């Protein structure tokens, strides 16, 4: 058996090598070699028609070294093998009717997020601006589908080729924006909160707040014992992200100096199959120096390095956000997804490295995309827990079909069984159960 792909590719750039590494090294588990002999190539990535290899005619995107708005006018999707493709370069009869490598690069580099767009009210790139949403493809793991088809084509033409076998994986990620709903926030915050509950008619909060503060009831947000039980039952890997920013309109966790909070963070970090990362505050997007401050706070609490992160409110700008995180020692990042829509922001259900289009270089920052967030079915899709279970099961089935990675994003608040979150624990448990 042969575990090396010979590729005829007359011109090579950083873009070429970046995509080839992802497709062949990381996702197909084979090495690749750029070969100068067409007759010895398994894959002919050129416009030359000689040789016996599979031809993929280049579109030209990988040859470029600029970012151009006009590219959006060139993207049209067509149906292919129960999937869809863009960057057409061949005919309907071609084994590969499109430039699979340019298509993958466009999606995973997040090319469109460098272009002009209309931001949402948090200055974020909206899902509705994406080409995948506009073509009704946001919930399709297209890159994984394309690569699985490419693998089948190569095996059919070259049976001696050997690829690694991949398996479906599930990972839970949980953001801790407020470890407690009432406790550890001080008398003044709770007094003001009581007045607000009265004015806003939040009767459940009025009924619960002071019994919780007096120790007569447990705090609904502090449900980490329950989390630990279900994670142990299903042997679930969990990444926690902790908000440690100073209090502001959108940053409402308790102080990083609170001894109970620090104790919780340490316990989570020591729990089986759990890791703890930073959740850079909303304020840190305007004041980049705060990222370093907040990482140092978590590092001091854990007494160990902090290498994983997710942006609070999914605040994110290309490429500035990632550049700041890299400078601060982050090697794994979990912001790649949308709060408003389910699906695959980068068209892929697998981790991949961040490629900086401004510098035209691959970086050391590994991006782990999520495809389902707790608030999406509840608020943006207005689904009941029962409807959400069906929706998320269908999405997980798509990821399972391509042997990809399904990552969900939840909050400890989502497990509180209070107010709007009543009945949503069973949705999360269903996810854990279906992941096996």
Protein backbone atom coordinates (compact mmCIF):
# COMPACT_ATOMS: atom_id res chain seq x y z
CA UNK A 1 0.00 0.00 0.00
CA UNK A 2 1.09 3.55 -0.75
CA UNK A 3 0.49 6.40 1.66
CA UNK A 4 1.90 9.25 -0.41
CA UNK A 5 0.06 11.33 -3.00
CA UNK A 6 2.12 12.62 -5.91
CA UNK A 7 0.80 15.98 -7.09
CA UNK A 8 1.76 17.71 -10.32
CA UNK A 9 1.54 21.41 -9.52
CA UNK A 10 3.69 23.75 -11.68
CA UNK A 11 3.23 26.75 -9.40
CA UNK A 12 3.38 26.63 -5.59
CA UNK A 13 2.51 29.28 -3.05
CA UNK A 14 1.82 29.43 0.67
CA UNK A 15 -1.85 29.00 -0.21
CA UNK A 16 -1.15 25.78 -2.10
CA UNK A 17 0.88 24.27 0.72
CA UNK A 18 -1.67 25.32 3.34
CA UNK A 19 -4.57 23.60 1.58
CA UNK A 20 -2.56 20.52 0.58
CA UNK A 21 -1.45 20.04 4.20
CA UNK A 22 -5.01 20.25 5.48
CA UNK A 23 -6.50 17.95 2.86
CA UNK A 24 -3.83 15.30 2.66
CA UNK A 25 -1.79 15.39 5.88
CA UNK A 26 -4.49 16.26 8.39
CA UNK A 27 -7.79 14.98 7.01
CA UNK A 28 -6.77 12.10 4.73
CA UNK A 29 -3.73 11.03 6.75
CA UNK A 30 -1.30 10.70 3.85
CA UNK A 31 1.83 12.57 2.90
CA UNK A 32 2.05 14.46 -0.36
CA UNK A 33 4.88 15.24 -2.72
CA UNK A 34 4.96 17.84 -5.47
CA UNK A 35 6.08 15.86 -8.52
CA UNK A 36 7.42 17.35 -11.75
CA UNK A 37 6.50 14.33 -13.88
CA UNK A 38 2.88 14.29 -15.04
CA UNK A 39 3.09 10.57 -15.77
CA UNK A 40 3.93 9.77 -12.15
CA UNK A 41 1.31 12.02 -10.56
CA UNK A 42 -1.84 10.75 -8.85
CA UNK A 43 -3.28 14.25 -9.04
CA UNK A 44 -2.75 16.69 -11.88
CA UNK A 45 -3.39 20.18 -10.51
CA UNK A 46 -2.80 22.06 -13.74
CA UNK A 47 -4.43 22.89 -17.07
CA UNK A 48 -2.25 20.35 -18.88
CA UNK A 49 -4.20 17.31 -20.02
CA UNK A 50 -1.30 14.85 -20.30
CA UNK A 51 -0.63 12.04 -17.84
CA UNK A 52 -2.85 9.47 -16.15
CA UNK A 53 -3.56 11.26 -12.88
CA UNK A 54 -6.86 12.73 -11.77
CA UNK A 55 -7.08 16.24 -13.16
CA UNK A 56 -8.22 19.19 -11.09
CA UNK A 57 -8.09 22.34 -13.20
CA UNK A 58 -6.96 25.33 -11.09
CA UNK A 59 -9.27 28.30 -10.80
CA UNK A 60 -6.36 30.58 -9.94
CA UNK A 61 -7.28 31.65 -6.40
CA UNK A 62 -4.25 29.91 -4.93
CA UNK A 63 -1.96 31.71 -7.36
CA UNK A 64 -3.10 35.10 -6.12
CA UNK A 65 -1.63 37.14 -3.29
CA UNK A 66 -4.27 39.79 -2.93
CA UNK A 67 -7.68 40.10 -1.29
CA UNK A 68 -10.31 41.27 -3.78
CA UNK A 69 -13.97 42.13 -3.30
CA UNK A 70 -14.81 41.08 -6.85
CA UNK A 71 -14.41 37.41 -5.98
CA UNK A 72 -17.89 37.33 -4.45
CA UNK A 73 -19.37 37.97 -7.90
CA UNK A 74 -17.61 34.88 -9.22
CA UNK A 75 -19.02 32.38 -6.73
CA UNK A 76 -21.88 30.25 -7.98
CA UNK A 77 -22.83 26.91 -6.49
CA UNK A 78 -23.89 23.89 -8.52
CA UNK A 79 -25.01 20.40 -7.47
CA UNK A 80 -22.50 17.55 -7.45
CA UNK A 81 -22.61 14.04 -5.91
CA UNK A 82 -25.31 14.84 -3.33
CA UNK A 83 -23.35 17.97 -2.45
CA UNK A 84 -22.70 21.39 -3.99
CA UNK A 85 -19.58 23.08 -5.29
CA UNK A 86 -18.23 26.44 -6.43
CA UNK A 87 -15.23 27.59 -8.50
CA UNK A 88 -16.25 25.52 -11.50
CA UNK A 89 -13.33 24.78 -13.87
CA UNK A 90 -14.36 21.56 -15.61
CA UNK A 91 -17.36 20.14 -17.44
CA UNK A 92 -20.28 18.16 -16.10
CA UNK A 93 -18.44 14.99 -17.16
CA UNK A 94 -15.20 15.88 -15.37
CA UNK A 95 -14.19 13.66 -12.47
CA UNK A 96 -13.57 16.88 -10.56
CA UNK A 97 -15.69 19.60 -12.20
CA UNK A 98 -14.41 22.30 -9.85
CA UNK A 99 -11.21 23.49 -8.20
CA UNK A 100 -11.67 21.73 -4.88
CA UNK A 101 -8.55 23.35 -3.40
CA UNK A 102 -9.58 26.93 -4.21
CA UNK A 103 -13.07 26.22 -2.86
CA UNK A 104 -11.67 24.85 0.39
CA UNK A 105 -9.23 27.74 0.73
CA UNK A 106 -11.95 30.34 0.21
CA UNK A 107 -14.10 28.84 2.99
CA UNK A 108 -11.53 27.99 5.65
CA UNK A 109 -9.42 31.13 5.22
CA UNK A 110 -12.66 33.06 5.88
CA UNK A 111 -11.80 35.15 2.83
CA UNK A 112 -15.21 36.85 2.81
CA UNK A 113 -14.68 38.15 6.36
CA UNK A 114 -11.80 40.30 5.10
CA UNK A 115 -14.07 41.96 2.54
CA UNK A 116 -16.61 44.75 2.89
CA UNK A 117 -19.75 43.67 4.76
CA UNK A 118 -22.54 45.12 6.86
CA UNK A 119 -21.76 44.24 10.50
CA UNK A 120 -24.34 43.37 13.14
CA UNK A 121 -24.97 45.53 16.22
CA UNK A 122 -21.89 44.04 17.91
CA UNK A 123 -19.71 44.82 14.85
CA UNK A 124 -19.50 41.10 13.99
CA UNK A 125 -19.64 39.38 10.62
CA UNK A 126 -23.26 38.14 10.38
CA UNK A 127 -24.19 34.67 9.20
CA UNK A 128 -26.60 36.26 6.73
CA UNK A 129 -23.66 37.90 4.93
CA UNK A 130 -21.97 34.57 4.20
CA UNK A 131 -22.08 32.87 0.81
CA UNK A 132 -23.02 29.61 2.52
CA UNK A 133 -26.13 31.15 4.09
CA UNK A 134 -27.09 32.88 0.84
CA UNK A 135 -26.90 29.53 -0.96
CA UNK A 136 -28.72 27.59 1.78
CA UNK A 137 -25.57 25.59 2.54
CA UNK A 138 -24.65 26.80 6.02
CA UNK A 139 -25.72 23.53 7.64
CA UNK A 140 -23.69 21.36 5.25
CA UNK A 141 -20.13 20.32 6.15
CA UNK A 142 -19.11 20.90 2.54
CA UNK A 143 -15.34 20.66 2.96
CA UNK A 144 -15.61 17.26 4.63
CA UNK A 145 -18.03 16.09 1.93
CA UNK A 146 -15.68 17.21 -0.83
CA UNK A 147 -12.68 15.53 0.75
CA UNK A 148 -14.55 12.25 1.24
CA UNK A 149 -15.50 12.28 -2.45
CA UNK A 150 -11.93 13.11 -3.45
CA UNK A 151 -10.75 10.15 -1.38
CA UNK A 152 -13.20 7.82 -3.16
CA UNK A 153 -12.10 9.09 -6.57
CA UNK A 154 -8.42 8.56 -5.78
CA UNK A 155 -9.03 5.06 -4.42
CA UNK A 156 -11.05 4.12 -7.51
CA UNK A 157 -8.22 5.21 -9.79
CA UNK A 158 -5.33 4.15 -7.57
CA UNK A 159 -6.39 1.20 -5.36
CA UNK A 160 -2.89 0.95 -3.91
CA UNK A 161 -3.32 4.24 -2.06
CA UNK A 162 -3.81 3.96 1.70
CA UNK A 163 -5.66 6.56 3.78
CA UNK A 164 -6.22 6.80 7.52
CA UNK A 165 -9.66 5.90 8.83
CA UNK A 166 -11.34 8.73 10.68
CA UNK A 167 -14.19 8.52 13.18
CA UNK A 168 -16.95 10.84 14.30
CA UNK A 169 -16.13 12.84 17.43
CA UNK A 170 -18.11 15.03 19.80
CA UNK A 171 -16.74 17.74 22.05
CA UNK A 172 -18.65 19.85 24.55
CA UNK A 173 -17.59 23.43 25.19
CA UNK A 174 -19.10 25.49 27.99
CA UNK A 175 -18.71 29.23 28.57
CA UNK A 176 -18.93 30.51 32.14
CA UNK A 177 -20.16 34.08 31.79
CA UNK A 178 -21.73 34.06 35.27
CA UNK A 179 -20.83 31.24 37.62
CA UNK A 180 -23.64 32.29 39.99
CA UNK A 181 -26.96 33.97 39.30
CA UNK A 182 -27.25 35.59 42.75
CA UNK A 183 -24.43 34.54 45.08
CA UNK A 184 -21.00 36.13 45.32
CA UNK A 185 -22.22 39.36 43.73
CA UNK A 186 -22.49 41.44 46.89
CA UNK A 187 -25.39 43.18 48.62
CA UNK A 188 -25.55 46.23 46.34
CA UNK A 189 -25.79 44.23 43.11
CA UNK A 190 -28.48 42.01 44.57
CA UNK A 191 -30.41 44.96 46.01
CA UNK A 192 -30.37 46.70 42.62
CA UNK A 193 -31.27 43.37 41.02
CA UNK A 194 -34.30 43.06 43.27
CA UNK A 195 -35.54 46.51 42.22
CA UNK A 196 -35.03 45.60 38.55
CA UNK A 197 -36.92 42.32 39.03
CA UNK A 198 -39.84 44.28 40.48
CA UNK A 199 -39.86 46.82 37.67
CA UNK A 200 -39.52 44.16 34.95
CA UNK A 201 -41.94 41.70 36.51
CA UNK A 202 -39.38 38.93 36.92
CA UNK A 203 -41.34 37.12 39.61
CA UNK A 204 -39.27 33.93 39.52
CA UNK A 205 -36.13 35.90 40.32
CA UNK A 206 -37.95 37.69 43.14
CA UNK A 207 -39.03 34.35 44.56
CA UNK A 208 -35.56 32.77 44.30
CA UNK A 209 -32.99 35.52 44.89
CA UNK A 210 -33.08 35.99 48.67
CA UNK A 211 -33.70 32.32 49.60
CA UNK A 212 -30.58 31.55 47.52
CA UNK A 213 -28.61 34.33 49.22
CA UNK A 214 -29.72 33.09 52.66
CA UNK A 215 -28.59 29.54 51.84
CA UNK A 216 -32.11 28.11 51.74
CA UNK A 217 -31.87 27.19 48.05
CA UNK A 218 -29.04 26.38 45.67
CA UNK A 219 -27.99 28.94 43.09
CA UNK A 220 -29.47 27.83 39.71
CA UNK A 221 -26.40 28.84 37.68
CA UNK A 222 -24.07 26.92 39.98
CA UNK A 223 -24.92 23.49 38.57
CA UNK A 224 -21.41 22.12 38.10
CA UNK A 225 -22.02 19.00 40.17
CA UNK A 226 -24.81 18.03 37.78
CA UNK A 227 -22.54 18.78 34.82
CA UNK A 228 -19.84 16.57 36.26
CA UNK A 229 -22.31 13.72 36.73
CA UNK A 230 -23.60 13.75 33.15
CA UNK A 231 -20.13 14.23 31.70
CA UNK A 232 -18.88 11.24 33.69
CA UNK A 233 -21.88 9.16 32.62
CA UNK A 234 -21.23 9.78 28.94
CA UNK A 235 -17.42 10.07 29.19
CA UNK A 236 -17.60 13.50 27.55
CA UNK A 237 -14.60 15.72 26.81
CA UNK A 238 -15.31 19.28 27.94
CA UNK A 239 -13.58 22.61 27.33
CA UNK A 240 -14.56 25.38 29.78
CA UNK A 241 -13.97 29.04 28.97
CA UNK A 242 -13.89 31.48 31.89
CA UNK A 243 -14.78 35.16 31.73
CA UNK A 244 -12.37 37.08 33.96
CA UNK A 245 -12.81 40.63 32.67
CA UNK A 246 -13.69 43.62 34.82
CA UNK A 247 -17.41 44.16 35.21
CA UNK A 248 -19.13 46.08 32.42
CA UNK A 249 -22.43 46.13 30.54
CA UNK A 250 -21.61 42.86 28.75
CA UNK A 251 -19.11 41.37 31.25
CA UNK A 252 -21.01 40.32 34.37
CA UNK A 253 -19.08 37.54 36.05
CA UNK A 254 -17.99 37.82 39.67
CA UNK A 255 -14.57 39.23 40.46
CA UNK A 256 -11.50 37.16 39.58
CA UNK A 257 -10.33 37.75 43.15
CA UNK A 258 -13.35 35.96 44.65
CA UNK A 259 -12.08 32.89 46.53
CA UNK A 260 -15.15 30.79 45.68
CA UNK A 261 -14.76 31.59 42.00
CA UNK A 262 -11.07 30.69 42.04
CA UNK A 263 -11.85 27.42 43.81
CA UNK A 264 -14.43 26.54 41.15
CA UNK A 265 -11.99 27.23 38.32
CA UNK A 266 -9.35 25.01 39.90
CA UNK A 267 -11.84 22.18 40.44
CA UNK A 268 -12.96 22.32 36.83
CA UNK A 269 -9.37 22.21 35.64
CA UNK A 270 -8.71 19.09 37.73
CA UNK A 271 -11.88 17.28 36.63
CA UNK A 272 -11.52 14.25 34.39
CA UNK A 273 -11.59 14.99 30.63
CA UNK A 274 -11.84 18.74 31.27
CA UNK A 275 -9.69 21.70 30.26
CA UNK A 276 -10.02 25.38 31.19
CA UNK A 277 -9.35 28.28 28.83
CA UNK A 278 -9.84 32.03 28.75
CA UNK A 279 -13.00 33.81 27.61
CA UNK A 280 -11.66 37.25 26.61
CA UNK A 281 -14.08 39.96 27.71
CA UNK A 282 -16.27 42.14 25.54
CA UNK A 283 -14.16 45.12 26.59
CA UNK A 284 -10.97 43.47 25.34
CA UNK A 285 -12.07 43.98 21.74
CA UNK A 286 -11.62 47.73 22.13
CA UNK A 287 -8.68 47.48 24.50
CA UNK A 288 -6.42 44.68 23.25
CA UNK A 289 -4.11 44.93 26.28
CA UNK A 290 -6.90 43.44 28.42
CA UNK A 291 -6.44 40.07 26.74
CA UNK A 292 -3.01 39.76 28.33
CA UNK A 293 -4.36 40.96 31.70
CA UNK A 294 -7.18 38.41 31.73
CA UNK A 295 -4.96 35.53 30.59
CA UNK A 296 -2.53 36.37 33.41
CA UNK A 297 -5.43 36.26 35.89
CA UNK A 298 -6.37 32.76 34.78
CA UNK A 299 -2.75 31.67 34.67
CA UNK A 300 -2.30 32.82 38.29
CA UNK A 301 -5.43 30.95 39.41
CA UNK A 302 -4.46 27.72 37.62
CA UNK A 303 -0.72 28.07 38.22
CA UNK A 304 -0.21 26.82 34.67
CA UNK A 305 -0.10 28.12 31.11
CA UNK A 306 -3.30 29.19 29.34
CA UNK A 307 -3.39 28.10 25.70
CA UNK A 308 -7.09 27.87 24.71
CA UNK A 309 -9.71 30.56 24.25
CA UNK A 310 -13.12 31.63 22.99
CA UNK A 311 -14.24 35.23 22.52
CA UNK A 312 -17.07 36.47 24.76
CA UNK A 313 -20.14 37.27 22.61
CA UNK A 314 -18.14 35.61 19.80
CA UNK A 315 -16.58 39.03 19.20
CA UNK A 316 -14.24 38.52 16.32
CA UNK A 317 -12.52 40.46 13.55
CA UNK A 318 -10.26 39.09 10.84
CA UNK A 319 -7.34 38.92 11.34
CA UNK A 320 -6.85 41.22 14.35
CA UNK A 321 -8.53 39.02 16.96
CA UNK A 322 -6.43 35.99 16.11
CA UNK A 323 -3.22 38.02 15.87
CA UNK A 324 -3.71 39.30 19.42
CA UNK A 325 -4.40 35.79 20.73
CA UNK A 326 -1.30 34.37 19.04
CA UNK A 327 0.85 37.10 20.62
CA UNK A 328 -0.55 36.08 23.99
CA UNK A 329 0.32 32.40 23.69
CA UNK A 330 -3.05 30.98 22.61
CA UNK A 331 -2.66 27.90 20.40
CA UNK A 332 -6.28 26.67 20.18
CA UNK A 333 -9.29 28.92 19.51
CA UNK A 334 -13.02 28.16 19.61
CA UNK A 335 -14.88 31.21 18.26
CA UNK A 336 -15.51 29.91 14.72
CA UNK A 337 -19.31 29.70 14.60
CA UNK A 338 -22.46 31.80 14.82
CA UNK A 339 -24.88 32.50 17.65
CA UNK A 340 -27.77 33.30 15.32
CA UNK A 341 -27.54 30.26 13.04
CA UNK A 342 -26.64 26.60 13.32
CA UNK A 343 -24.04 25.21 10.98
CA UNK A 344 -20.51 25.54 9.74
CA UNK A 345 -19.15 29.07 9.51
CA UNK A 346 -16.08 27.87 7.60
CA UNK A 347 -17.91 25.03 5.84
CA UNK A 348 -15.95 22.42 7.75
CA UNK A 349 -16.55 20.06 10.69
CA UNK A 350 -12.88 19.59 11.56
CA UNK A 351 -10.17 21.68 13.25
CA UNK A 352 -7.82 23.62 10.97
CA UNK A 353 -5.02 26.17 11.27
CA UNK A 354 -5.65 29.88 10.85
CA UNK A 355 -4.29 31.29 7.60
CA UNK A 356 -3.66 35.03 7.78
CA UNK A 357 -4.61 36.55 4.44
CA UNK A 358 -3.02 39.87 5.40
CA UNK A 359 0.40 38.28 5.75
CA UNK A 360 -0.25 35.37 3.36
CA UNK A 361 0.99 32.83 5.85
CA UNK A 362 -0.23 29.85 7.86
CA UNK A 363 -0.07 30.37 11.62
CA UNK A 364 0.30 28.11 14.64
CA UNK A 365 -3.23 28.90 15.86
CA UNK A 366 -5.55 25.92 15.56
CA UNK A 367 -9.22 26.78 15.08
CA UNK A 368 -11.88 24.43 16.44
CA UNK A 369 -15.23 25.32 14.85
CA UNK A 370 -18.50 24.77 16.67
CA UNK A 371 -21.77 24.18 14.82
CA UNK A 372 -24.46 24.40 17.52
CA UNK A 373 -24.96 26.98 20.27
CA UNK A 374 -27.55 26.74 23.03
CA UNK A 375 -29.19 30.11 22.31
CA UNK A 376 -29.73 29.36 18.61
CA UNK A 377 -32.65 26.89 18.76
CA UNK A 378 -34.10 28.58 21.84
CA UNK A 379 -34.08 32.22 20.79
CA UNK A 380 -33.27 32.56 17.10
CA UNK A 381 -35.23 29.52 15.90
CA UNK A 382 -37.90 29.78 18.62
CA UNK A 383 -37.90 26.00 19.14
CA UNK A 384 -39.19 23.98 22.07
CA UNK A 385 -36.76 21.58 23.78
CA UNK A 386 -38.36 18.69 21.87
CA UNK A 387 -37.96 20.48 18.54
CA UNK A 388 -34.38 21.41 19.40
CA UNK A 389 -33.51 17.77 20.07
CA UNK A 390 -34.68 16.84 16.56
CA UNK A 391 -32.86 19.78 14.98
CA UNK A 392 -29.56 19.05 16.72
CA UNK A 393 -29.85 15.31 16.09
CA UNK A 394 -30.23 15.97 12.36
CA UNK A 395 -27.19 18.25 12.39
CA UNK A 396 -25.15 15.69 14.32
CA UNK A 397 -26.13 13.02 11.78
CA UNK A 398 -24.63 15.16 9.01
CA UNK A 399 -21.34 15.42 10.89
CA UNK A 400 -21.38 11.71 11.70
CA UNK A 401 -21.86 10.92 7.99
CA UNK A 402 -18.57 12.63 7.14
CA UNK A 403 -16.75 11.35 10.25
CA UNK A 404 -16.27 14.91 11.42
CA UNK A 405 -16.06 16.74 14.73
CA UNK A 406 -19.33 18.02 16.26
CA UNK A 407 -18.70 20.81 18.77
CA UNK A 408 -21.51 22.33 20.81
CA UNK A 409 -21.45 25.58 22.79
CA UNK A 410 -23.44 25.84 26.03
CA UNK A 411 -23.40 27.94 29.19
CA UNK A 412 -23.91 26.86 32.80
CA UNK A 413 -26.90 29.23 32.71
CA UNK A 414 -28.45 26.97 30.05
CA UNK A 415 -28.62 24.13 32.59
CA UNK A 416 -30.33 26.24 35.28
CA UNK A 417 -33.89 25.02 34.58
CA UNK A 418 -35.09 28.56 35.34
CA UNK A 419 -36.88 31.22 33.30
CA UNK A 420 -36.36 30.63 29.55
CA UNK A 421 -34.12 27.61 30.16
CA UNK A 422 -36.75 25.37 31.74
CA UNK A 423 -36.62 21.97 30.07
CA UNK A 424 -33.29 22.49 28.30
CA UNK A 425 -31.15 20.14 30.34
CA UNK A 426 -32.70 17.24 28.46
CA UNK A 427 -31.60 18.80 25.17
CA UNK A 428 -27.99 18.78 26.33
CA UNK A 429 -28.27 15.24 27.70
CA UNK A 430 -29.73 14.17 24.36
CA UNK A 431 -26.65 15.59 22.61
CA UNK A 432 -24.33 13.65 24.90
CA UNK A 433 -26.33 10.47 24.45
CA UNK A 434 -26.50 10.79 20.64
CA UNK A 435 -22.75 11.37 20.45
CA UNK A 436 -22.15 7.67 21.16
